[in-house]
Amino acid sequence: MAALREKHGRRSRGLQSEAERQDLDCKLVAVLESRSNANAVFDILEYLESEKEDVVQAAIRTTSKLFDSLLEKRELYIGNLPIENESLPDTYSAENKYKIWMRHRYNSCVTSLLDLMHHSSFSVQELALCSLMKFIQLEGKFPLENSEWKESFHFPREMLKSVVDSLLLEEKDTSPLIARYQEYLEYDDIRYYTMTVINENIARVQQKHKQTLPPVFQNNVYCLLSSVNMPVEEIALGRFLVTDKAKHEDWKPSKLKEHKRVFERVWMGFLKKQLTISLYKKILLILHDSILPHMSKPTLMIDFLTTAYDVGGAISLLALNGLFVLIHQHNLEYPDFYKKLYSLLDPSMFHVKYRARFFHLTNLFLSSTHLPVYLVAAFAKRLARLSLTAPPQVLLIIIPFICNLIRRHPACRTLIHRPGTSGGFTKALPW
């Protein structure tokens, strides 16, 4: 009996949801057909607060269709919007009063969609995000603000800011929704303005918490920033979500140097904060190929990398990638660099998951034939001693490494064979 009642309940709920979806469709048609049915918008917006996931999704699709159509038909008030419920002077026509009223309904819809980006269902979050991005696209094409001059270009930055603010929460991980937002970052205008808003968010949260950024917020910022794929050449720019007949020559999102400038600013602002160890590692893993090449002045990262290199352990190993780029491509001078690199050679290094990367970079740093013989010999001897207690799988790396060092620097062969001695070394080696 209980199973039958449950089955009957599911069927009843399904029929009720279907009836609500049909009601939404009818009200949408009614509002678009005649302004006399405008009050039905309240009923449509009310469905956004339903406890049923499928009804909420249907309501999001309905509101999207409704306001997409109204934006295209220019049936929303354009200009500074009067306060709602404020008595309007007689200078406003009935047409304008209707558009003002409908513009307020549009704003209510946007607010509800922003709230739904925090819904318990990811499907609802995703649908709300896509609807808001569609509104951004249409607001760019059909601006709700008066242009100051004929060929001005309008980008709905405030709405995009609200969307990004909803992605960068302080107490909730939004990485799944950020992954969905990543496809919009392929648009040059969205990428540019998103980075400017991230910078503002970091400053706002820092001011609020005074000392350190909340760990969840740090992770959300990293997820969003690491999703940015920067263009390499100016010619690659030209894909915009918001399109207009206005000229783009003087528009910042259309210039590569402006992208680099804001990219550099947001990363530098973020890295100056006190970050968690796990986040340090994530950033250092991508720094050399995803951040440094796209900065106008990569040398600004010197302080961050040298500080990370001095931390020790896995952090120092990961900092080697970025330091390698700065030393070999930007002529960074790092006092006692090899002394620090030598100090990293200890038994614990064999048990970190980054050891293959470490040996690869160490090999590159020791590949120059202009290095002093005593320096290369010191590394070879250190590795030889460590190999006595190294795990078998690590020996497969160490022994060829030592062999290559000696082959590359023939003067080091005296470490294994010194001609002219019959019973061993006659005196101690200088290293």
Protein backbone atom coordinates (compact mmCIF):
# COMPACT_ATOMS: atom_id res chain seq x y z
CA MET A 1 0.00 0.00 0.00
CA ALA A 2 2.81 2.40 0.88
CA ALA A 3 4.45 1.77 -2.50
CA LEU A 4 1.17 2.44 -4.29
CA ARG A 5 0.65 5.68 -2.38
CA GLU A 6 4.21 6.81 -3.21
CA LYS A 7 3.71 5.97 -6.89
CA HIS A 8 0.40 7.84 -6.91
CA GLY A 9 2.08 10.83 -5.21
CA ARG A 10 4.85 10.98 -7.82
CA ARG A 11 2.29 10.83 -10.60
CA SER A 12 0.25 13.62 -9.02
CA ARG A 13 3.32 15.82 -8.62
CA GLY A 14 4.29 15.14 -12.24
CA LEU A 15 0.85 16.15 -13.48
CA GLN A 16 0.91 19.26 -11.32
CA SER A 17 4.35 20.29 -12.65
CA GLU A 18 3.14 19.76 -16.22
CA ALA A 19 0.12 21.96 -15.52
CA GLU A 20 2.40 24.69 -14.12
CA ARG A 21 4.63 24.55 -17.21
CA GLN A 22 1.59 24.88 -19.46
CA ASP A 23 0.41 27.83 -17.36
CA LEU A 24 3.81 29.49 -17.86
CA ASP A 25 3.56 29.03 -21.63
CA CYS A 26 0.06 30.52 -21.71
CA LYS A 27 1.04 33.54 -19.62
CA LEU A 28 4.11 34.15 -21.81
CA VAL A 29 1.97 34.20 -24.95
CA ALA A 30 -0.58 36.46 -23.26
CA VAL A 31 2.01 39.05 -22.15
CA LEU A 32 3.67 39.18 -25.56
CA GLU A 33 0.34 39.45 -27.38
CA SER A 34 -1.17 42.35 -25.44
CA ARG A 35 -0.02 44.90 -22.89
CA SER A 36 -3.36 44.50 -21.14
CA ASN A 37 -2.02 41.16 -19.86
CA ALA A 38 1.14 42.72 -18.41
CA ASN A 39 0.24 41.80 -14.81
CA ALA A 40 0.76 38.15 -15.71
CA VAL A 41 4.49 38.91 -15.45
CA PHE A 42 4.10 38.81 -11.66
CA ASP A 43 2.81 35.24 -11.90
CA ILE A 44 5.70 34.23 -14.16
CA LEU A 45 8.28 35.71 -11.77
CA GLU A 46 6.60 33.99 -8.84
CA TYR A 47 7.34 30.60 -10.40
CA LEU A 48 11.07 31.37 -10.03
CA GLU A 49 10.58 30.85 -6.28
CA SER A 50 8.99 27.42 -6.66
CA GLU A 51 10.35 24.53 -4.59
CA LYS A 52 10.14 22.21 -7.60
CA GLU A 53 13.32 22.11 -9.64
CA ASP A 54 11.63 21.39 -12.98
CA VAL A 55 9.18 24.26 -12.47
CA VAL A 56 12.02 26.67 -11.64
CA GLN A 57 13.85 25.61 -14.81
CA ALA A 58 10.70 26.15 -16.86
CA ALA A 59 10.25 29.58 -15.25
CA ILE A 60 13.85 30.56 -16.08
CA ARG A 61 13.33 29.60 -19.72
CA THR A 62 10.05 31.51 -19.82
CA THR A 63 11.48 34.70 -18.31
CA SER A 64 14.43 34.46 -20.68
CA LYS A 65 12.12 34.26 -23.71
CA LEU A 66 9.94 37.06 -22.36
CA PHE A 67 12.64 39.64 -21.66
CA ASP A 68 14.72 38.64 -24.68
CA SER A 69 11.71 39.58 -26.78
CA LEU A 70 11.03 42.81 -24.86
CA LEU A 71 14.67 43.90 -25.18
CA GLU A 72 14.65 43.28 -28.92
CA LYS A 73 11.34 45.13 -29.35
CA ARG A 74 12.68 48.05 -27.26
CA GLU A 75 9.76 47.77 -24.84
CA LEU A 76 11.88 48.46 -21.76
CA TYR A 77 12.50 52.03 -20.61
CA ILE A 78 15.79 53.51 -21.84
CA GLY A 79 17.63 55.98 -19.62
CA ASN A 80 17.80 56.73 -15.89
CA LEU A 81 15.08 54.60 -14.33
CA PRO A 82 12.76 56.42 -11.90
CA ILE A 83 12.28 54.85 -8.47
CA GLU A 84 9.49 52.29 -8.39
CA ASN A 85 6.19 53.34 -6.76
CA GLU A 86 7.24 56.96 -7.11
CA SER A 87 4.53 59.15 -8.62
CA LEU A 88 5.54 60.08 -12.13
CA PRO A 89 4.96 63.59 -13.49
CA ASP A 90 2.46 64.15 -16.29
CA THR A 91 5.31 64.65 -18.72
CA TYR A 92 5.64 60.85 -18.94
CA SER A 93 3.35 59.33 -21.55
CA ALA A 94 1.38 56.13 -20.98
CA GLU A 95 3.89 54.40 -23.26
CA ASN A 96 6.82 55.48 -21.09
CA LYS A 97 5.01 54.56 -17.87
CA TYR A 98 4.45 51.05 -19.21
CA LYS A 99 8.11 50.73 -20.21
CA ILE A 100 9.25 52.00 -16.80
CA TRP A 101 7.01 49.45 -15.07
CA MET A 102 8.27 46.62 -17.29
CA ARG A 103 11.88 47.69 -16.76
CA HIS A 104 11.37 47.26 -13.01
CA ARG A 105 10.01 43.76 -13.66
CA TYR A 106 13.11 43.04 -15.72
CA ASN A 107 15.32 44.17 -12.83
CA SER A 108 13.36 41.91 -10.47
CA CYS A 109 13.93 39.01 -12.84
CA VAL A 110 17.68 39.68 -12.95
CA THR A 111 17.81 39.76 -9.13
CA SER A 112 15.96 36.44 -8.93
CA LEU A 113 18.30 34.83 -11.48
CA LEU A 114 21.34 36.01 -9.51
CA ASP A 115 19.85 34.36 -6.42
CA LEU A 116 19.23 31.16 -8.39
CA MET A 117 22.95 30.97 -9.17
CA HIS A 118 23.19 29.74 -5.55
CA HIS A 119 20.38 27.17 -5.91
CA SER A 120 20.97 23.67 -4.54
CA SER A 121 20.59 22.21 -8.04
CA PHE A 122 23.50 22.74 -10.43
CA SER A 123 21.14 22.51 -13.42
CA VAL A 124 19.23 25.53 -12.09
CA GLN A 125 22.48 27.41 -11.41
CA GLU A 126 23.71 26.72 -14.93
CA LEU A 127 20.44 27.77 -16.56
CA ALA A 128 20.31 30.99 -14.53
CA LEU A 129 23.90 31.82 -15.54
CA CYS A 130 23.21 31.23 -19.23
CA SER A 131 20.07 33.40 -19.10
CA LEU A 132 21.97 36.26 -17.47
CA MET A 133 24.74 36.05 -20.06
CA LYS A 134 22.08 36.20 -22.78
CA PHE A 135 20.69 39.36 -21.16
CA ILE A 136 24.21 40.85 -21.17
CA GLN A 137 24.51 40.12 -24.87
CA LEU A 138 21.15 41.71 -25.66
CA GLU A 139 21.72 44.73 -23.41
CA GLY A 140 24.90 45.38 -25.35
CA LYS A 141 23.01 45.22 -28.62
CA PHE A 142 19.94 47.09 -27.32
CA PRO A 143 21.30 49.36 -24.54
CA LEU A 144 19.06 50.46 -21.69
CA GLU A 145 21.11 53.62 -21.24
CA ASN A 146 21.19 56.68 -23.46
CA SER A 147 24.40 56.96 -25.47
CA GLU A 148 26.43 60.11 -24.90
CA TRP A 149 27.39 60.27 -28.54
CA LYS A 150 26.19 58.64 -31.70
CA GLU A 151 28.92 56.04 -32.13
CA SER A 152 29.53 55.23 -28.47
CA PHE A 153 29.88 51.60 -27.44
CA HIS A 154 27.95 50.29 -24.46
CA PHE A 155 28.87 47.21 -22.44
CA PRO A 156 26.53 46.18 -19.56
CA ARG A 157 29.38 46.01 -17.06
CA GLU A 158 27.16 46.30 -13.98
CA MET A 159 25.26 43.14 -14.82
CA LEU A 160 28.48 41.27 -15.57
CA LYS A 161 29.85 42.51 -12.24
CA SER A 162 26.81 41.05 -10.47
CA VAL A 163 27.37 37.71 -12.21
CA VAL A 164 31.08 37.59 -11.29
CA ASP A 165 30.26 38.64 -7.71
CA SER A 166 27.94 35.63 -7.53
CA LEU A 167 30.77 33.38 -8.70
CA LEU A 168 33.27 34.70 -6.14
CA LEU A 169 31.54 33.77 -2.90
CA GLU A 170 33.40 33.82 0.41
CA GLU A 171 31.87 30.73 2.02
CA LYS A 172 30.75 28.46 -0.85
CA ASP A 173 32.82 26.65 -3.46
CA THR A 174 31.56 27.71 -6.89
CA SER A 175 34.17 25.93 -9.01
CA PRO A 176 31.57 23.79 -10.91
CA LEU A 177 29.70 26.92 -12.03
CA ILE A 178 32.98 28.70 -12.81
CA ALA A 179 33.85 25.78 -15.09
CA ARG A 180 30.59 26.46 -16.94
CA TYR A 181 31.40 30.19 -17.09
CA GLN A 182 34.77 29.40 -18.68
CA GLU A 183 33.29 29.15 -22.17
CA TYR A 184 32.24 32.81 -21.95
CA LEU A 185 35.83 33.80 -21.15
CA GLU A 186 36.68 32.94 -24.76
CA TYR A 187 34.95 36.21 -25.69
CA ASP A 188 37.46 39.06 -25.53
CA ASP A 189 35.10 41.59 -23.93
CA ILE A 190 33.89 39.15 -21.26
CA ARG A 191 37.48 38.15 -20.47
CA TYR A 192 38.64 41.75 -20.11
CA TYR A 193 35.78 42.97 -17.91
CA THR A 194 35.80 39.78 -15.82
CA MET A 195 39.44 40.39 -14.89
CA THR A 196 38.70 43.99 -13.89
CA VAL A 197 35.82 42.84 -11.68
CA ILE A 198 37.97 40.12 -10.05
CA ASN A 199 40.48 42.80 -9.09
CA GLU A 200 37.72 44.88 -7.49
CA ASN A 201 36.43 41.82 -5.61
CA ILE A 202 39.85 41.05 -4.16
CA ALA A 203 40.19 44.63 -2.90
CA ARG A 204 36.66 44.59 -1.44
CA VAL A 205 37.07 41.30 0.42
CA GLN A 206 40.54 42.29 1.63
CA GLN A 207 39.15 45.49 3.10
CA LYS A 208 36.34 43.54 4.75
CA HIS A 209 38.56 40.91 6.38
CA LYS A 210 41.58 43.18 6.98
CA GLN A 211 44.22 40.43 7.23
CA THR A 212 43.76 37.34 5.04
CA LEU A 213 41.28 36.41 2.34
CA PRO A 214 38.91 33.54 3.25
CA PRO A 215 40.31 30.22 1.90
CA VAL A 216 37.12 29.42 -0.05
CA PHE A 217 37.20 32.86 -1.68
CA GLN A 218 40.88 32.36 -2.55
CA ASN A 219 40.06 29.08 -4.26
CA ASN A 220 37.15 30.62 -6.20
CA VAL A 221 39.37 33.48 -7.39
CA TYR A 222 42.06 31.02 -8.46
CA CYS A 223 39.54 28.84 -10.33
CA LEU A 224 38.25 31.86 -12.24
CA LEU A 225 41.67 33.38 -12.94
CA SER A 226 43.20 30.09 -14.05
CA SER A 227 40.30 29.67 -16.49
CA VAL A 228 41.44 32.75 -18.43
CA ASN A 229 43.12 31.84 -21.72
CA MET A 230 45.01 34.92 -22.83
CA PRO A 231 45.42 35.72 -26.54
CA VAL A 232 48.99 35.67 -27.83
CA GLU A 233 48.69 38.10 -30.75
CA GLU A 234 46.65 41.23 -31.44
CA ILE A 235 45.19 39.61 -34.53
CA ALA A 236 43.57 36.95 -32.32
CA LEU A 237 41.30 39.59 -30.77
CA GLY A 238 37.93 40.27 -32.33
CA ARG A 239 35.51 37.78 -30.84
CA PHE A 240 33.02 39.71 -28.70
CA LEU A 241 29.83 38.58 -26.98
CA VAL A 242 28.49 42.13 -27.13
CA THR A 243 28.48 43.38 -30.71
CA ASP A 244 27.54 46.80 -31.99
CA LYS A 245 27.88 48.92 -35.10
CA ALA A 246 30.15 51.28 -33.20
CA LYS A 247 33.85 51.31 -34.00
CA HIS A 248 36.12 49.18 -31.81
CA GLU A 249 39.50 50.83 -32.46
CA ASP A 250 39.63 52.72 -29.16
CA TRP A 251 37.80 50.11 -27.10
CA LYS A 252 40.09 48.60 -24.44
CA PRO A 253 38.91 44.96 -24.82
CA SER A 254 40.03 45.13 -28.46
CA LYS A 255 43.67 45.86 -27.54
CA LEU A 256 46.14 43.16 -26.50
CA LYS A 257 48.22 45.54 -24.36
CA GLU A 258 45.11 46.38 -22.30
CA HIS A 259 44.41 42.68 -21.75
CA LYS A 260 47.98 42.16 -20.59
CA ARG A 261 47.85 45.20 -18.34
CA VAL A 262 44.70 44.09 -16.49
CA PHE A 263 45.89 40.45 -16.46
CA GLU A 264 49.14 41.52 -14.83
CA ARG A 265 47.39 43.78 -12.35
CA VAL A 266 44.89 41.17 -11.14
CA TRP A 267 47.50 38.42 -10.72
CA MET A 268 49.94 40.73 -8.93
CA GLY A 269 47.17 41.93 -6.63
CA PHE A 270 46.15 38.35 -5.84
CA LEU A 271 49.67 37.02 -5.26
CA LYS A 272 50.47 39.80 -2.80
CA LYS A 273 47.89 38.35 -0.41
CA GLN A 274 48.62 35.66 2.15
CA LEU A 275 47.58 32.48 0.35
CA THR A 276 47.16 28.91 1.56
CA ILE A 277 50.00 26.43 0.96
CA SER A 278 47.85 24.28 -1.35
CA LEU A 279 47.01 27.34 -3.44
CA TYR A 280 50.68 28.35 -3.59
CA LYS A 281 51.43 24.96 -5.13
CA LYS A 282 48.62 25.24 -7.68
CA ILE A 283 49.78 28.70 -8.78
CA LEU A 284 53.44 27.70 -9.04
CA LEU A 285 52.46 24.74 -11.23
CA ILE A 286 50.94 27.02 -13.89
CA LEU A 287 53.03 30.16 -13.38
CA HIS A 288 55.73 29.47 -15.98
CA ASP A 289 53.44 28.71 -18.93
CA SER A 290 50.06 30.29 -18.12
CA ILE A 291 50.98 33.52 -16.32
CA LEU A 292 54.52 34.77 -17.03
CA PRO A 293 54.27 34.66 -20.87
CA HIS A 294 51.21 36.94 -20.81
CA MET A 295 52.58 39.63 -18.50
CA SER A 296 53.88 42.94 -19.82
CA LYS A 297 56.66 42.86 -17.22
CA PRO A 298 57.33 39.28 -16.07
CA THR A 299 60.17 40.53 -13.87
CA LEU A 300 57.53 41.86 -11.46
CA MET A 301 57.21 38.25 -10.31
CA ILE A 302 60.79 38.18 -9.01
CA ASP A 303 59.84 38.90 -5.39
CA PHE A 304 57.07 36.30 -5.37
CA LEU A 305 59.25 33.58 -6.90
CA THR A 306 62.34 34.25 -4.80
CA THR A 307 60.23 34.23 -1.64
CA ALA A 308 58.65 30.93 -2.70
CA TYR A 309 62.09 29.52 -3.56
CA ASP A 310 63.33 30.33 -0.05
CA VAL A 311 60.39 28.56 1.63
CA GLY A 312 61.90 25.12 1.11
CA GLY A 313 60.36 21.72 0.40
CA ALA A 314 57.85 21.24 -2.42
CA ILE A 315 57.24 25.00 -2.70
CA SER A 316 60.90 25.56 -3.62
CA LEU A 317 60.80 22.73 -6.16
CA LEU A 318 57.76 24.24 -7.87
CA ALA A 319 59.26 27.75 -7.86
CA LEU A 320 62.11 26.47 -10.04
CA ASN A 321 59.94 26.56 -13.17
CA GLY A 322 59.22 30.27 -12.88
CA LEU A 323 62.78 31.10 -11.89
CA PHE A 324 64.07 29.19 -14.91
CA VAL A 325 61.96 31.40 -17.20
CA LEU A 326 63.14 34.61 -15.51
CA ILE A 327 66.82 33.58 -15.45
CA HIS A 328 67.03 32.32 -19.03
CA GLN A 329 64.61 34.68 -20.77
CA HIS A 330 64.72 37.85 -18.67
CA ASN A 331 68.31 37.81 -17.32
CA LEU A 332 67.37 37.53 -13.66
CA GLU A 333 70.38 37.58 -11.35
CA TYR A 334 69.78 35.46 -8.25
CA PRO A 335 72.64 35.47 -5.70
CA ASP A 336 73.47 32.03 -4.28
CA PHE A 337 70.97 30.36 -6.62
CA TYR A 338 73.05 27.20 -7.01
CA LYS A 339 73.77 27.10 -3.29
CA LYS A 340 70.02 27.03 -2.65
CA LEU A 341 69.50 24.45 -5.41
CA TYR A 342 72.19 22.26 -3.82
CA SER A 343 70.45 22.49 -0.44
CA LEU A 344 67.27 21.06 -1.99
CA LEU A 345 69.07 17.78 -2.65
CA ASP A 346 68.07 15.76 0.40
CA PRO A 347 66.38 12.36 0.89
CA SER A 348 62.89 13.92 1.27
CA MET A 349 63.11 15.11 -2.33
CA PHE A 350 62.83 11.50 -3.55
CA HIS A 351 59.35 11.15 -2.09
CA VAL A 352 57.60 14.22 -3.52
CA LYS A 353 55.41 13.86 -6.57
CA TYR A 354 57.24 16.69 -8.34
CA ARG A 355 60.64 14.94 -8.38
CA ALA A 356 60.60 14.28 -12.15
CA ARG A 357 59.99 17.99 -12.79
CA PHE A 358 62.74 18.87 -10.30
CA PHE A 359 65.36 16.67 -11.98
CA HIS A 360 64.37 17.99 -15.40
CA LEU A 361 64.87 21.60 -14.31
CA THR A 362 68.05 20.83 -12.37
CA ASN A 363 69.42 19.21 -15.51
CA LEU A 364 68.63 22.39 -17.47
CA PHE A 365 70.29 24.61 -14.86
CA LEU A 366 73.44 22.42 -14.92
CA SER A 367 73.55 22.08 -18.71
CA SER A 368 75.69 25.17 -19.35
CA THR A 369 79.31 24.32 -20.20
CA HIS A 370 80.37 27.63 -18.63
CA LEU A 371 79.64 26.47 -15.09
CA PRO A 372 82.69 25.98 -12.83
CA VAL A 373 83.86 22.37 -12.62
CA TYR A 374 83.77 22.38 -8.82
CA LEU A 375 80.07 23.33 -8.90
CA VAL A 376 79.04 20.49 -11.23
CA ALA A 377 81.24 18.04 -9.31
CA ALA A 378 79.58 19.03 -6.04
CA PHE A 379 76.14 18.17 -7.45
CA ALA A 380 77.40 14.86 -8.87
CA LYS A 381 78.95 13.82 -5.54
CA ARG A 382 75.86 14.88 -3.60
CA LEU A 383 73.58 12.82 -5.84
CA ALA A 384 75.96 9.84 -5.67
CA ARG A 385 75.79 9.86 -1.87
CA LEU A 386 72.00 10.17 -1.90
CA SER A 387 71.72 7.24 -4.32
CA LEU A 388 73.05 4.91 -1.62
CA THR A 389 69.74 5.19 0.25
CA ALA A 390 67.41 6.18 -2.61
CA PRO A 391 64.39 4.02 -3.57
CA PRO A 392 64.98 1.76 -6.61
CA GLN A 393 62.63 3.72 -8.87
CA VAL A 394 64.54 6.93 -8.13
CA LEU A 395 67.87 5.29 -9.02
CA LEU A 396 66.58 5.06 -12.59
CA ILE A 397 66.65 8.87 -12.61
CA ILE A 398 69.76 9.58 -10.51
CA ILE A 399 72.31 7.29 -12.18
CA PRO A 400 71.68 8.54 -15.76
CA PHE A 401 71.61 12.09 -14.35
CA ILE A 402 75.11 11.70 -12.81
CA CYS A 403 76.36 10.03 -15.98
CA ASN A 404 75.12 12.91 -18.14
CA LEU A 405 76.74 15.48 -15.83
CA ILE A 406 80.13 13.79 -16.18
CA ARG A 407 79.78 13.40 -19.96
CA ARG A 408 78.76 17.03 -20.36
CA HIS A 409 81.64 18.25 -18.19
CA PRO A 410 84.69 16.02 -18.98
CA ALA A 411 86.78 17.69 -16.26
CA CYS A 412 84.57 15.91 -13.70
CA ARG A 413 85.78 12.48 -14.84
CA THR A 414 88.43 12.57 -12.15
CA LEU A 415 85.58 11.79 -9.75
CA ILE A 416 85.54 8.21 -11.06
CA HIS A 417 89.00 7.85 -12.62
CA ARG A 418 92.15 9.91 -12.08
CA PRO A 419 95.05 8.96 -14.38
CA GLY A 420 98.53 8.95 -12.87
CA THR A 421 97.58 7.44 -9.53
CA SER A 422 98.28 3.81 -8.70
CA GLY A 423 96.63 3.30 -5.35
CA GLY A 424 93.97 5.93 -5.23
CA PHE A 425 94.01 9.69 -4.92
CA THR A 426 97.31 11.19 -3.79
CA LYS A 427 95.56 14.20 -2.32
CA ALA A 428 92.07 15.34 -1.53
CA LEU A 429 89.97 16.70 -4.37
CA PRO A 430 89.18 20.42 -4.16
CA TRP A 431 85.39 19.77 -3.99
